[in-house]
Amino acid sequence: MSPRVVTFRQVIEQERRWWVPFRHALSKEDREAFDRMFACAKQQVQAEVQLGWPWGFETVLTAVLVEHEKRAGEMVKLLEKLMTRQG
């Protein structure tokens, strides 16, 4: 019988559950940000599959960083556009 393979979605969910006590200690606003962070991780599952092995929280953090970089880039473009209109 082969060992059970854990999917990346399961790894993300396991990590999220492990962090529940931390989440409960956060303010409501911070809990919402925390939940968005794990939602970001779920958006990167296809890239995570390419690793070939679920690395737990490192995978979650990397996915969050990718999403934050995308959002930061979008904000920079928006600011540049707004500044161009005013200039």
PDB file of N, CA and C in Angstrom:
ATOM      1  N   MET A   1       0.840  -1.184   0.000  1.00  0.00           N
ATOM      2  CA  MET A   1       0.000   0.000   0.000  1.00  0.00           C
ATOM      3  C   MET A   1       0.882   1.244   0.000  1.00  0.00           C
ATOM      4  N   SER A   2       0.616   2.166  -0.910  1.00  0.00           N
ATOM      5  CA  SER A   2       1.447   3.363  -1.017  1.00  0.00           C
ATOM      6  C   SER A   2       1.075   4.375   0.068  1.00  0.00           C
ATOM      7  N   PRO A   3       2.061   5.201   0.458  1.00  0.00           N
ATOM      8  CA  PRO A   3       1.749   6.223   1.469  1.00  0.00           C
ATOM      9  C   PRO A   3       0.781   7.253   0.908  1.00  0.00           C
ATOM     10  N   ARG A   4       0.001   7.821   1.780  1.00  0.00           N
ATOM     11  CA  ARG A   4      -0.993   8.814   1.382  1.00  0.00           C
ATOM     12  C   ARG A   4      -0.279  10.094   0.950  1.00  0.00           C
ATOM     13  N   VAL A   5      -0.651  10.610  -0.198  1.00  0.00           N
ATOM     14  CA  VAL A   5      -0.085  11.844  -0.706  1.00  0.00           C
ATOM     15  C   VAL A   5      -0.953  13.011  -0.240  1.00  0.00           C
ATOM     16  N   VAL A   6      -0.306  13.995   0.343  1.00  0.00           N
ATOM     17  CA  VAL A   6      -1.018  15.174   0.833  1.00  0.00           C
ATOM     18  C   VAL A   6      -1.010  16.221  -0.286  1.00  0.00           C
ATOM     19  N   THR A   7      -2.171  16.772  -0.596  1.00  0.00           N
ATOM     20  CA  THR A   7      -2.251  17.797  -1.635  1.00  0.00           C
ATOM     21  C   THR A   7      -1.819  19.146  -1.063  1.00  0.00           C
ATOM     22  N   PHE A   8      -1.513  20.078  -1.957  1.00  0.00           N
ATOM     23  CA  PHE A   8      -1.113  21.402  -1.506  1.00  0.00           C
ATOM     24  C   PHE A   8      -2.251  22.123  -0.812  1.00  0.00           C
ATOM     25  N   ARG A   9      -3.450  21.912  -1.279  1.00  0.00           N
ATOM     26  CA  ARG A   9      -4.599  22.528  -0.595  1.00  0.00           C
ATOM     27  C   ARG A   9      -4.708  22.002   0.838  1.00  0.00           C
ATOM     28  N   GLN A  10      -4.430  20.723   1.025  1.00  0.00           N
ATOM     29  CA  GLN A  10      -4.465  20.149   2.368  1.00  0.00           C
ATOM     30  C   GLN A  10      -3.351  20.725   3.243  1.00  0.00           C
ATOM     31  N   VAL A  11      -2.179  20.926   2.655  1.00  0.00           N
ATOM     32  CA  VAL A  11      -1.062  21.516   3.396  1.00  0.00           C
ATOM     33  C   VAL A  11      -1.427  22.922   3.858  1.00  0.00           C
ATOM     34  N   ILE A  12      -2.004  23.709   2.957  1.00  0.00           N
ATOM     35  CA  ILE A  12      -2.409  25.064   3.311  1.00  0.00           C
ATOM     36  C   ILE A  12      -3.451  25.039   4.422  1.00  0.00           C
ATOM     37  N   GLU A  13      -4.413  24.137   4.310  1.00  0.00           N
ATOM     38  CA  GLU A  13      -5.453  24.035   5.339  1.00  0.00           C
ATOM     39  C   GLU A  13      -4.868  23.565   6.676  1.00  0.00           C
ATOM     40  N   GLN A  14      -3.923  22.637   6.647  1.00  0.00           N
ATOM     41  CA  GLN A  14      -3.270  22.190   7.881  1.00  0.00           C
ATOM     42  C   GLN A  14      -2.541  23.360   8.551  1.00  0.00           C
ATOM     43  N   GLU A  15      -1.834  24.138   7.740  1.00  0.00           N
ATOM     44  CA  GLU A  15      -1.123  25.301   8.279  1.00  0.00           C
ATOM     45  C   GLU A  15      -2.098  26.311   8.868  1.00  0.00           C
ATOM     46  N   ARG A  16      -3.186  26.555   8.151  1.00  0.00           N
ATOM     47  CA  ARG A  16      -4.181  27.509   8.645  1.00  0.00           C
ATOM     48  C   ARG A  16      -4.726  27.058  10.006  1.00  0.00           C
ATOM     49  N   ARG A  17      -5.028  25.760  10.120  1.00  0.00           N
ATOM     50  CA  ARG A  17      -5.547  25.230  11.387  1.00  0.00           C
ATOM     51  C   ARG A  17      -4.512  25.349  12.505  1.00  0.00           C
ATOM     52  N   TRP A  18      -3.238  25.123  12.168  1.00  0.00           N
ATOM     53  CA  TRP A  18      -2.187  25.208  13.171  1.00  0.00           C
ATOM     54  C   TRP A  18      -2.094  26.625  13.739  1.00  0.00           C
ATOM     55  N   TRP A  19      -2.391  27.649  12.905  1.00  0.00           N
ATOM     56  CA  TRP A  19      -2.296  29.040  13.299  1.00  0.00           C
ATOM     57  C   TRP A  19      -3.586  29.587  13.917  1.00  0.00           C
ATOM     58  N   VAL A  20      -4.605  28.757  14.100  1.00  0.00           N
ATOM     59  CA  VAL A  20      -5.891  29.229  14.643  1.00  0.00           C
ATOM     60  C   VAL A  20      -5.742  29.923  16.000  1.00  0.00           C
ATOM     61  N   PRO A  21      -4.969  29.378  16.958  1.00  0.00           N
ATOM     62  CA  PRO A  21      -4.846  30.100  18.238  1.00  0.00           C
ATOM     63  C   PRO A  21      -4.265  31.508  18.067  1.00  0.00           C
ATOM     64  N   PHE A  22      -3.299  31.639  17.178  1.00  0.00           N
ATOM     65  CA  PHE A  22      -2.720  32.953  16.881  1.00  0.00           C
ATOM     66  C   PHE A  22      -3.789  33.864  16.294  1.00  0.00           C
ATOM     67  N   ARG A  23      -4.554  33.337  15.343  1.00  0.00           N
ATOM     68  CA  ARG A  23      -5.610  34.109  14.689  1.00  0.00           C
ATOM     69  C   ARG A  23      -6.622  34.629  15.701  1.00  0.00           C
ATOM     70  N   HIS A  24      -7.000  33.758  16.649  1.00  0.00           N
ATOM     71  CA  HIS A  24      -8.001  34.155  17.653  1.00  0.00           C
ATOM     72  C   HIS A  24      -7.503  35.284  18.554  1.00  0.00           C
ATOM     73  N   ALA A  25      -6.189  35.403  18.697  1.00  0.00           N
ATOM     74  CA  ALA A  25      -5.625  36.459  19.544  1.00  0.00           C
ATOM     75  C   ALA A  25      -5.559  37.800  18.822  1.00  0.00           C
ATOM     76  N   LEU A  26      -5.799  37.808  17.528  1.00  0.00           N
ATOM     77  CA  LEU A  26      -5.726  39.033  16.742  1.00  0.00           C
ATOM     78  C   LEU A  26      -7.007  39.863  16.868  1.00  0.00           C
ATOM     79  N   SER A  27      -6.881  41.139  16.564  1.00  0.00           N
ATOM     80  CA  SER A  27      -8.066  41.994  16.493  1.00  0.00           C
ATOM     81  C   SER A  27      -8.895  41.569  15.281  1.00  0.00           C
ATOM     82  N   LYS A  28     -10.129  42.037  15.217  1.00  0.00           N
ATOM     83  CA  LYS A  28     -10.999  41.669  14.095  1.00  0.00           C
ATOM     84  C   LYS A  28     -10.369  42.081  12.768  1.00  0.00           C
ATOM     85  N   GLU A  29      -9.842  43.289  12.711  1.00  0.00           N
ATOM     86  CA  GLU A  29      -9.216  43.785  11.487  1.00  0.00           C
ATOM     87  C   GLU A  29      -8.014  42.913  11.086  1.00  0.00           C
ATOM     88  N   ASP A  30      -7.214  42.539  12.065  1.00  0.00           N
ATOM     89  CA  ASP A  30      -6.054  41.702  11.775  1.00  0.00           C
ATOM     90  C   ASP A  30      -6.455  40.278  11.397  1.00  0.00           C
ATOM     91  N   ARG A  31      -7.540  39.776  11.991  1.00  0.00           N
ATOM     92  CA  ARG A  31      -8.045  38.446  11.597  1.00  0.00           C
ATOM     93  C   ARG A  31      -8.461  38.441  10.135  1.00  0.00           C
ATOM     94  N   GLU A  32      -9.100  39.536   9.709  1.00  0.00           N
ATOM     95  CA  GLU A  32      -9.504  39.642   8.305  1.00  0.00           C
ATOM     96  C   GLU A  32      -8.278  39.636   7.390  1.00  0.00           C
ATOM     97  N   ALA A  33      -7.227  40.356   7.790  1.00  0.00           N
ATOM     98  CA  ALA A  33      -5.983  40.370   7.005  1.00  0.00           C
ATOM     99  C   ALA A  33      -5.344  38.977   6.995  1.00  0.00           C
ATOM    100  N   PHE A  34      -5.375  38.315   8.139  1.00  0.00           N
ATOM    101  CA  PHE A  34      -4.829  36.961   8.249  1.00  0.00           C
ATOM    102  C   PHE A  34      -5.568  36.012   7.301  1.00  0.00           C
ATOM    103  N   ASP A  35      -6.878  36.120   7.269  1.00  0.00           N
ATOM    104  CA  ASP A  35      -7.682  35.270   6.383  1.00  0.00           C
ATOM    105  C   ASP A  35      -7.377  35.562   4.912  1.00  0.00           C
ATOM    106  N   ARG A  36      -7.190  36.836   4.598  1.00  0.00           N
ATOM    107  CA  ARG A  36      -6.829  37.192   3.214  1.00  0.00           C
ATOM    108  C   ARG A  36      -5.469  36.613   2.847  1.00  0.00           C
ATOM    109  N   MET A  37      -4.561  36.566   3.816  1.00  0.00           N
ATOM    110  CA  MET A  37      -3.238  36.009   3.566  1.00  0.00           C
ATOM    111  C   MET A  37      -3.341  34.550   3.132  1.00  0.00           C
ATOM    112  N   PHE A  38      -4.128  33.770   3.839  1.00  0.00           N
ATOM    113  CA  PHE A  38      -4.281  32.361   3.467  1.00  0.00           C
ATOM    114  C   PHE A  38      -5.063  32.209   2.170  1.00  0.00           C
ATOM    115  N   ALA A  39      -5.957  33.141   1.887  1.00  0.00           N
ATOM    116  CA  ALA A  39      -6.655  33.106   0.601  1.00  0.00           C
ATOM    117  C   ALA A  39      -5.660  33.333  -0.538  1.00  0.00           C
ATOM    118  N   CYS A  40      -4.683  34.190  -0.316  1.00  0.00           N
ATOM    119  CA  CYS A  40      -3.630  34.409  -1.328  1.00  0.00           C
ATOM    120  C   CYS A  40      -2.886  33.120  -1.606  1.00  0.00           C
ATOM    121  N   ALA A  41      -2.602  32.375  -0.571  1.00  0.00           N
ATOM    122  CA  ALA A  41      -1.864  31.123  -0.738  1.00  0.00           C
ATOM    123  C   ALA A  41      -2.631  30.149  -1.613  1.00  0.00           C
ATOM    124  N   LYS A  42      -3.933  30.118  -1.463  1.00  0.00           N
ATOM    125  CA  LYS A  42      -4.752  29.201  -2.260  1.00  0.00           C
ATOM    126  C   LYS A  42      -4.763  29.576  -3.732  1.00  0.00           C
ATOM    127  N   GLN A  43      -4.503  30.847  -4.041  1.00  0.00           N
ATOM    128  CA  GLN A  43      -4.495  31.293  -5.433  1.00  0.00           C
ATOM    129  C   GLN A  43      -3.256  30.816  -6.174  1.00  0.00           C
ATOM    130  N   GLN A  44      -2.247  30.386  -5.449  1.00  0.00           N
ATOM    131  CA  GLN A  44      -0.984  29.993  -6.072  1.00  0.00           C
ATOM    132  C   GLN A  44      -0.772  28.480  -6.095  1.00  0.00           C
ATOM    133  N   VAL A  45      -1.821  27.709  -5.926  1.00  0.00           N
ATOM    134  CA  VAL A  45      -1.697  26.257  -5.829  1.00  0.00           C
ATOM    135  C   VAL A  45      -1.014  25.652  -7.051  1.00  0.00           C
ATOM    136  N   GLN A  46      -1.333  26.137  -8.244  1.00  0.00           N
ATOM    137  CA  GLN A  46      -0.724  25.568  -9.448  1.00  0.00           C
ATOM    138  C   GLN A  46       0.794  25.705  -9.422  1.00  0.00           C
ATOM    139  N   ALA A  47       1.302  26.854  -8.985  1.00  0.00           N
ATOM    140  CA  ALA A  47       2.751  27.041  -8.891  1.00  0.00           C
ATOM    141  C   ALA A  47       3.341  26.152  -7.798  1.00  0.00           C
ATOM    142  N   GLU A  48       2.611  26.005  -6.703  1.00  0.00           N
ATOM    143  CA  GLU A  48       3.092  25.189  -5.593  1.00  0.00           C
ATOM    144  C   GLU A  48       3.229  23.728  -6.006  1.00  0.00           C
ATOM    145  N   VAL A  49       2.350  23.271  -6.873  1.00  0.00           N
ATOM    146  CA  VAL A  49       2.398  21.881  -7.345  1.00  0.00           C
ATOM    147  C   VAL A  49       3.730  21.608  -8.037  1.00  0.00           C
ATOM    148  N   GLN A  50       4.302  22.622  -8.680  1.00  0.00           N
ATOM    149  CA  GLN A  50       5.564  22.442  -9.389  1.00  0.00           C
ATOM    150  C   GLN A  50       6.725  22.132  -8.445  1.00  0.00           C
ATOM    151  N   LEU A  51       6.569  22.457  -7.170  1.00  0.00           N
ATOM    152  CA  LEU A  51       7.612  22.124  -6.195  1.00  0.00           C
ATOM    153  C   LEU A  51       7.782  20.620  -6.059  1.00  0.00           C
ATOM    154  N   GLY A  52       6.701  19.903  -6.215  1.00  0.00           N
ATOM    155  CA  GLY A  52       6.752  18.460  -6.079  1.00  0.00           C
ATOM    156  C   GLY A  52       6.647  17.965  -4.647  1.00  0.00           C
ATOM    157  N   TRP A  53       6.779  18.866  -3.692  1.00  0.00           N
ATOM    158  CA  TRP A  53       6.668  18.472  -2.289  1.00  0.00           C
ATOM    159  C   TRP A  53       6.120  19.644  -1.500  1.00  0.00           C
ATOM    160  N   PRO A  54       5.034  19.445  -0.767  1.00  0.00           N
ATOM    161  CA  PRO A  54       4.460  20.548   0.020  1.00  0.00           C
ATOM    162  C   PRO A  54       5.369  20.921   1.194  1.00  0.00           C
ATOM    163  N   TRP A  55       5.780  22.168   1.250  1.00  0.00           N
ATOM    164  CA  TRP A  55       6.704  22.641   2.278  1.00  0.00           C
ATOM    165  C   TRP A  55       6.021  23.388   3.408  1.00  0.00           C
ATOM    166  N   GLY A  56       4.753  23.258   3.533  1.00  0.00           N
ATOM    167  CA  GLY A  56       4.044  23.868   4.651  1.00  0.00           C
ATOM    168  C   GLY A  56       4.049  25.378   4.627  1.00  0.00           C
ATOM    169  N   PHE A  57       4.431  25.977   5.744  1.00  0.00           N
ATOM    170  CA  PHE A  57       4.286  27.413   5.888  1.00  0.00           C
ATOM    171  C   PHE A  57       5.173  28.193   4.921  1.00  0.00           C
ATOM    172  N   GLU A  58       6.311  27.639   4.532  1.00  0.00           N
ATOM    173  CA  GLU A  58       7.158  28.310   3.540  1.00  0.00           C
ATOM    174  C   GLU A  58       6.392  28.499   2.233  1.00  0.00           C
ATOM    175  N   THR A  59       5.608  27.508   1.865  1.00  0.00           N
ATOM    176  CA  THR A  59       4.789  27.598   0.653  1.00  0.00           C
ATOM    177  C   THR A  59       3.739  28.694   0.801  1.00  0.00           C
ATOM    178  N   VAL A  60       3.116  28.747   1.956  1.00  0.00           N
ATOM    179  CA  VAL A  60       2.100  29.775   2.215  1.00  0.00           C
ATOM    180  C   VAL A  60       2.738  31.167   2.128  1.00  0.00           C
ATOM    181  N   LEU A  61       3.869  31.344   2.790  1.00  0.00           N
ATOM    182  CA  LEU A  61       4.524  32.651   2.772  1.00  0.00           C
ATOM    183  C   LEU A  61       4.954  33.071   1.373  1.00  0.00           C
ATOM    184  N   THR A  62       5.493  32.146   0.611  1.00  0.00           N
ATOM    185  CA  THR A  62       5.919  32.465  -0.743  1.00  0.00           C
ATOM    186  C   THR A  62       4.724  32.884  -1.595  1.00  0.00           C
ATOM    187  N   ALA A  63       3.626  32.171  -1.486  1.00  0.00           N
ATOM    188  CA  ALA A  63       2.420  32.522  -2.241  1.00  0.00           C
ATOM    189  C   ALA A  63       1.902  33.898  -1.836  1.00  0.00           C
ATOM    190  N   VAL A  64       1.937  34.190  -0.552  1.00  0.00           N
ATOM    191  CA  VAL A  64       1.492  35.493  -0.069  1.00  0.00           C
ATOM    192  C   VAL A  64       2.396  36.591  -0.619  1.00  0.00           C
ATOM    193  N   LEU A  65       3.700  36.346  -0.605  1.00  0.00           N
ATOM    194  CA  LEU A  65       4.632  37.345  -1.136  1.00  0.00           C
ATOM    195  C   LEU A  65       4.396  37.609  -2.617  1.00  0.00           C
ATOM    196  N   VAL A  66       4.114  36.578  -3.376  1.00  0.00           N
ATOM    197  CA  VAL A  66       3.819  36.751  -4.806  1.00  0.00           C
ATOM    198  C   VAL A  66       2.577  37.622  -4.971  1.00  0.00           C
ATOM    199  N   GLU A  67       1.518  37.320  -4.236  1.00  0.00           N
ATOM    200  CA  GLU A  67       0.292  38.109  -4.331  1.00  0.00           C
ATOM    201  C   GLU A  67       0.522  39.554  -3.895  1.00  0.00           C
ATOM    202  N   HIS A  68       1.288  39.759  -2.830  1.00  0.00           N
ATOM    203  CA  HIS A  68       1.564  41.114  -2.368  1.00  0.00           C
ATOM    204  C   HIS A  68       2.394  41.885  -3.393  1.00  0.00           C
ATOM    205  N   GLU A  69       3.336  41.217  -4.022  1.00  0.00           N
ATOM    206  CA  GLU A  69       4.136  41.869  -5.053  1.00  0.00           C
ATOM    207  C   GLU A  69       3.257  42.294  -6.221  1.00  0.00           C
ATOM    208  N   LYS A  70       2.324  41.440  -6.623  1.00  0.00           N
ATOM    209  CA  LYS A  70       1.399  41.800  -7.700  1.00  0.00           C
ATOM    210  C   LYS A  70       0.587  43.026  -7.312  1.00  0.00           C
ATOM    211  N   ARG A  71       0.059  43.026  -6.096  1.00  0.00           N
ATOM    212  CA  ARG A  71      -0.766  44.152  -5.638  1.00  0.00           C
ATOM    213  C   ARG A  71       0.058  45.423  -5.518  1.00  0.00           C
ATOM    214  N   ALA A  72       1.285  45.314  -5.020  1.00  0.00           N
ATOM    215  CA  ALA A  72       2.155  46.490  -4.905  1.00  0.00           C
ATOM    216  C   ALA A  72       2.435  47.063  -6.294  1.00  0.00           C
ATOM    217  N   GLY A  73       2.679  46.197  -7.258  1.00  0.00           N
ATOM    218  CA  GLY A  73       2.904  46.647  -8.627  1.00  0.00           C
ATOM    219  C   GLY A  73       1.688  47.366  -9.194  1.00  0.00           C
ATOM    220  N   GLU A  74       0.513  46.844  -8.913  1.00  0.00           N
ATOM    221  CA  GLU A  74      -0.719  47.485  -9.374  1.00  0.00           C
ATOM    222  C   GLU A  74      -0.890  48.863  -8.740  1.00  0.00           C
ATOM    223  N   MET A  75      -0.552  48.978  -7.456  1.00  0.00           N
ATOM    224  CA  MET A  75      -0.668  50.267  -6.775  1.00  0.00           C
ATOM    225  C   MET A  75       0.318  51.280  -7.347  1.00  0.00           C
ATOM    226  N   VAL A  76       1.538  50.842  -7.644  1.00  0.00           N
ATOM    227  CA  VAL A  76       2.533  51.741  -8.231  1.00  0.00           C
ATOM    228  C   VAL A  76       2.040  52.253  -9.579  1.00  0.00           C
ATOM    229  N   LYS A  77       1.508  51.348 -10.406  1.00  0.00           N
ATOM    230  CA  LYS A  77       0.988  51.765 -11.707  1.00  0.00           C
ATOM    231  C   LYS A  77      -0.147  52.774 -11.548  1.00  0.00           C
ATOM    232  N   LEU A  78      -1.037  52.526 -10.601  1.00  0.00           N
ATOM    233  CA  LEU A  78      -2.151  53.442 -10.361  1.00  0.00           C
ATOM    234  C   LEU A  78      -1.642  54.805  -9.892  1.00  0.00           C
ATOM    235  N   LEU A  79      -0.686  54.810  -8.978  1.00  0.00           N
ATOM    236  CA  LEU A  79      -0.123  56.070  -8.498  1.00  0.00           C
ATOM    237  C   LEU A  79       0.564  56.836  -9.628  1.00  0.00           C
ATOM    238  N   GLU A  80       1.308  56.126 -10.455  1.00  0.00           N
ATOM    239  CA  GLU A  80       1.969  56.775 -11.592  1.00  0.00           C
ATOM    240  C   GLU A  80       0.942  57.381 -12.540  1.00  0.00           C
ATOM    241  N   LYS A  81      -0.135  56.656 -12.767  1.00  0.00           N
ATOM    242  CA  LYS A  81      -1.203  57.156 -13.631  1.00  0.00           C
ATOM    243  C   LYS A  81      -1.835  58.414 -13.042  1.00  0.00           C
ATOM    244  N   LEU A  82      -2.105  58.389 -11.748  1.00  0.00           N
ATOM    245  CA  LEU A  82      -2.698  59.547 -11.076  1.00  0.00           C
ATOM    246  C   LEU A  82      -1.749  60.737 -11.093  1.00  0.00           C
ATOM    247  N   MET A  83      -0.470  60.493 -10.881  1.00  0.00           N
ATOM    248  CA  MET A  83       0.513  61.570 -10.879  1.00  0.00           C
ATOM    249  C   MET A  83       0.665  62.178 -12.276  1.00  0.00           C
ATOM    250  N   THR A  84       0.544  61.367 -13.296  1.00  0.00           N
ATOM    251  CA  THR A  84       0.646  61.841 -14.674  1.00  0.00           C
ATOM    252  C   THR A  84      -0.524  62.766 -14.992  1.00  0.00           C
ATOM    253  N   ARG A  85      -1.694  62.422 -14.495  1.00  0.00           N
ATOM    254  CA  ARG A  85      -2.878  63.270 -14.719  1.00  0.00           C
ATOM    255  C   ARG A  85      -2.732  64.630 -14.066  1.00  0.00           C
ATOM    256  N   GLN A  86      -2.118  64.648 -12.879  1.00  0.00           N
ATOM    257  CA  GLN A  86      -1.980  65.895 -12.132  1.00  0.00           C
ATOM    258  C   GLN A  86      -0.837  66.753 -12.657  1.00  0.00           C
ATOM    259  N   GLY A  87       0.156  66.126 -13.271  1.00  0.00           N
ATOM    260  CA  GLY A  87       1.357  66.844 -13.714  1.00  0.00           C
ATOM    261  C   GLY A  87       1.165  67.505 -14.995  1.00  0.00           C
TER     262      GLY A  87
END
